[in-house]
Protein backbone atom coordinates (compact mmCIF):
# COMPACT_ATOMS: atom_id res chain seq x y z
CA MET A 1 56.76 -20.99 39.84
CA GLU A 2 56.27 -19.29 42.99
CA TYR A 3 55.71 -20.39 46.73
CA GLY A 4 51.58 -18.73 46.33
CA ALA A 5 50.95 -20.43 43.22
CA ILE A 6 52.36 -23.96 43.95
CA LYS A 7 50.32 -23.88 47.46
CA ARG A 8 47.16 -23.21 45.40
CA ARG A 9 47.90 -25.91 43.14
CA PHE A 10 48.04 -28.21 45.68
CA SER A 11 45.15 -27.01 47.73
CA ASP A 12 43.40 -27.55 44.39
CA MET A 13 44.57 -31.15 44.14
CA ALA A 14 43.39 -31.76 47.39
CA LYS A 15 40.18 -30.17 46.86
CA ILE A 16 39.46 -32.83 43.72
CA ARG A 17 40.70 -35.67 45.86
CA SER A 18 38.49 -35.10 48.56
CA ASN A 19 35.37 -34.60 46.23
CA ARG A 20 34.94 -38.00 45.16
CA GLY A 21 31.46 -38.41 44.49
CA SER A 22 30.72 -34.44 44.72
CA ASP A 23 29.31 -32.31 41.96
CA ALA A 24 31.50 -30.65 39.23
CA ALA A 25 30.51 -27.23 40.42
CA SER A 26 33.05 -27.33 43.01
CA THR A 27 35.72 -28.10 40.64
CA PRO A 28 38.47 -25.59 40.58
CA GLU A 29 38.70 -23.33 37.37
CA TRP A 30 41.83 -24.68 35.85
CA VAL A 31 40.07 -28.33 35.61
CA THR A 32 36.97 -26.80 33.34
CA GLY A 33 39.73 -24.59 31.42
CA TYR A 34 42.15 -27.46 30.79
CA ALA A 35 39.25 -29.64 29.76
CA SER A 36 37.99 -27.09 27.68
CA VAL A 37 41.01 -26.37 25.89
CA LEU A 38 41.74 -30.05 25.32
CA LEU A 39 38.12 -30.71 23.60
CA LYS A 40 38.91 -27.50 21.40
CA THR A 41 42.09 -29.49 19.96
CA GLY A 42 39.93 -32.34 18.69
CA LEU A 43 40.57 -35.02 21.65
CA ARG A 44 38.23 -37.74 21.67
CA LEU A 45 36.10 -37.63 24.98
CA PRO A 46 38.04 -40.54 26.41
CA GLU A 47 41.54 -39.35 25.69
CA VAL A 48 40.17 -36.04 27.80
CA GLU A 49 38.88 -37.92 30.59
CA GLU A 50 42.00 -39.98 30.70
CA ARG A 51 44.31 -36.69 30.94
CA LEU A 52 42.22 -35.47 33.47
CA VAL A 53 42.41 -38.61 35.63
CA ALA A 54 46.43 -38.16 35.17
CA ARG A 55 46.29 -34.58 36.54
CA GLY A 56 44.44 -36.00 39.71
CA LEU A 57 40.63 -36.01 39.28
CA THR A 58 39.00 -39.12 39.67
CA PRO A 59 37.31 -40.72 36.89
CA GLU A 60 33.82 -40.03 37.91
CA LEU A 61 34.67 -36.30 38.22
CA ALA A 62 36.17 -36.16 34.80
CA SER A 63 33.46 -37.63 33.41
CA LYS A 64 31.24 -34.90 34.89
CA VAL A 65 33.73 -32.41 33.78
CA VAL A 66 33.81 -33.45 30.09
CA GLU A 67 29.79 -33.98 30.12
CA GLU A 68 29.01 -30.20 31.38
CA LEU A 69 31.55 -28.92 28.96
CA LEU A 70 29.60 -30.58 26.04
CA GLU A 71 26.44 -29.64 27.46
CA ALA A 72 27.29 -26.34 27.73
CA ARG A 73 28.69 -26.21 24.03
CA ILE A 74 25.46 -27.73 22.89
CA ARG A 75 23.60 -25.45 24.84
CA GLN A 76 25.14 -22.10 22.94
CA GLN A 77 24.62 -23.94 19.61
CA VAL A 78 21.02 -24.38 20.21
CA LEU A 79 20.71 -20.71 21.30
CA ALA A 80 22.66 -19.87 18.12
CA GLN A 81 20.25 -21.33 15.94
CA LYS A 82 17.21 -20.28 17.54
CA ARG A 83 18.36 -16.49 17.46
CA LEU A 84 19.18 -17.26 13.71
CA ASP A 85 15.64 -19.02 12.81
CA ARG A 86 14.04 -15.64 14.51
CA TRP A 87 15.92 -13.48 12.09
CA LYS A 88 14.87 -15.65 9.31
CA SER A 89 11.50 -15.69 9.97
CA LEU A 90 11.62 -11.81 10.73
CA ASN A 91 13.27 -11.41 7.15
CA ARG A 92 11.07 -13.48 5.23
CA ILE A 93 7.66 -12.23 7.22
CA LEU A 94 8.87 -8.27 6.21
CA SER A 95 9.73 -9.42 2.91
CA ALA A 96 6.86 -11.08 1.82
CA VAL A 97 4.75 -8.43 3.12
CA VAL A 98 6.40 -5.68 1.26
CA ALA A 99 6.31 -7.82 -1.84
CA VAL A 100 2.70 -7.99 -1.29
CA VAL A 101 2.26 -4.30 -1.01
CA TYR A 102 4.24 -3.74 -4.08
CA ILE A 103 2.17 -6.23 -6.06
CA VAL A 104 -1.15 -4.19 -4.80
CA ILE A 105 0.39 -0.99 -5.88
CA ALA A 106 1.28 -2.31 -9.53
CA TYR A 107 -1.96 -4.02 -9.92
CA TRP A 108 -3.52 -0.68 -8.57
CA SER A 109 -1.79 1.41 -10.97
CA GLY A 110 -1.39 -0.84 -13.90
CA GLY A 111 -3.90 -3.84 -13.76
CA ASP A 112 -2.92 -7.25 -13.80
CA SER A 113 -0.44 -7.60 -16.68
CA PHE A 114 1.74 -4.93 -14.76
CA ALA A 115 0.90 -6.70 -11.22
CA GLY A 116 2.43 -10.02 -12.94
CA GLU A 117 5.58 -8.43 -14.33
CA VAL A 118 6.19 -7.17 -10.66
CA THR A 119 5.86 -10.50 -9.44
CA LEU A 120 8.35 -12.08 -11.95
CA GLU A 121 10.65 -8.83 -10.73
CA LEU A 122 10.04 -10.24 -7.26
CA VAL A 123 11.35 -13.67 -7.58
CA LEU A 124 14.94 -12.91 -7.32
CA PRO A 125 15.12 -10.98 -4.35
CA LEU A 126 12.70 -12.79 -2.21
CA ALA A 127 14.70 -15.87 -3.08
CA CYS A 128 17.73 -14.03 -1.95
CA ILE A 129 15.94 -12.96 1.22
CA TRP A 130 14.47 -16.25 2.10
CA PHE A 131 17.10 -18.59 1.02
CA GLY A 132 20.44 -16.38 1.25
CA VAL A 133 21.79 -19.01 4.05
CA GLU A 134 21.47 -22.08 2.16
CA ALA A 135 22.98 -20.15 -0.97
CA GLY A 136 25.84 -19.03 1.18
CA ARG A 137 26.38 -22.32 2.47
CA HIS A 138 26.56 -23.42 -1.22
CA PHE A 139 28.89 -21.06 -2.61
CA ALA A 140 31.18 -20.40 0.19
CA ASN A 141 31.29 -24.50 0.67
CA THR A 142 31.27 -23.87 4.41
CA ASP A 143 28.72 -23.87 7.19
CA ASN A 144 30.92 -21.89 9.58
CA ASP A 145 31.30 -18.60 7.80
CA PRO A 146 27.82 -16.48 7.56
CA THR A 147 29.30 -13.87 5.40
CA PRO A 148 28.20 -15.03 2.61
CA SER A 149 24.55 -15.75 3.61
CA VAL A 150 24.42 -12.13 5.15
CA LEU A 151 25.86 -10.55 1.87
CA ILE A 152 23.00 -12.61 -0.36
CA ARG A 153 20.23 -11.55 2.02
CA LEU A 154 21.23 -7.75 2.06
CA GLY A 155 21.58 -7.92 -2.12
CA GLY A 156 18.14 -9.47 -1.95
CA TRP A 157 16.85 -6.38 0.37
CA LEU A 158 18.42 -4.05 -1.94
CA LEU A 159 16.74 -5.59 -5.08
CA LEU A 160 13.49 -5.42 -3.34
CA ILE A 161 13.68 -1.79 -2.37
CA ILE A 162 14.99 -1.05 -6.20
CA VAL A 163 12.11 -2.67 -7.83
CA GLY A 164 9.74 -0.82 -5.22
CA ILE A 165 11.46 2.44 -6.56
CA PHE A 166 10.75 1.60 -10.48
CA VAL A 167 7.29 0.04 -9.35
CA VAL A 168 6.68 3.79 -8.21
CA LEU A 169 8.21 5.76 -10.65
CA ARG A 170 8.16 3.62 -13.67
CA GLY A 171 4.27 2.55 -13.83
CA PRO A 172 2.95 -0.09 -16.29
CA LEU A 173 5.08 -0.03 -19.65
CA PRO A 174 2.82 1.01 -22.56
CA ILE A 175 2.09 -1.74 -24.95
């Protein structure tokens, strides 16, 4: 370790010890980085706080640092969930509008029996679009990997487009 790094380390330790009772915003970067790594490794909160105290922090400051890291992590999860909910709502609204348009076209071009056929053909694509996340969790047995739900939703949109093409091209089947 070079002299400059040692000097910075001791000045950081002096700041930490002099900050008794001050907020965690004035803590050195290595403290939050170290605490973040410890939390990611799966250590329990008291163990993380103990290790921070062993590195020279006061128990109050160690508790504040851990608390702020947890708040930031929860804030990120909430924002990600809001973004997911927004996309889910948008997909549901757009697919419902497209399905209603298909059913109206089918009714207009072939009557109520053809509209009924098209409605039945729309059940699977709409289910894939509306419940792709839930189906992805079920089939992939994981909550962390969004890939299956994206593929299921994309497949639903492709099926919805194919059904629309058939509604326009095929028309009602002659009985």
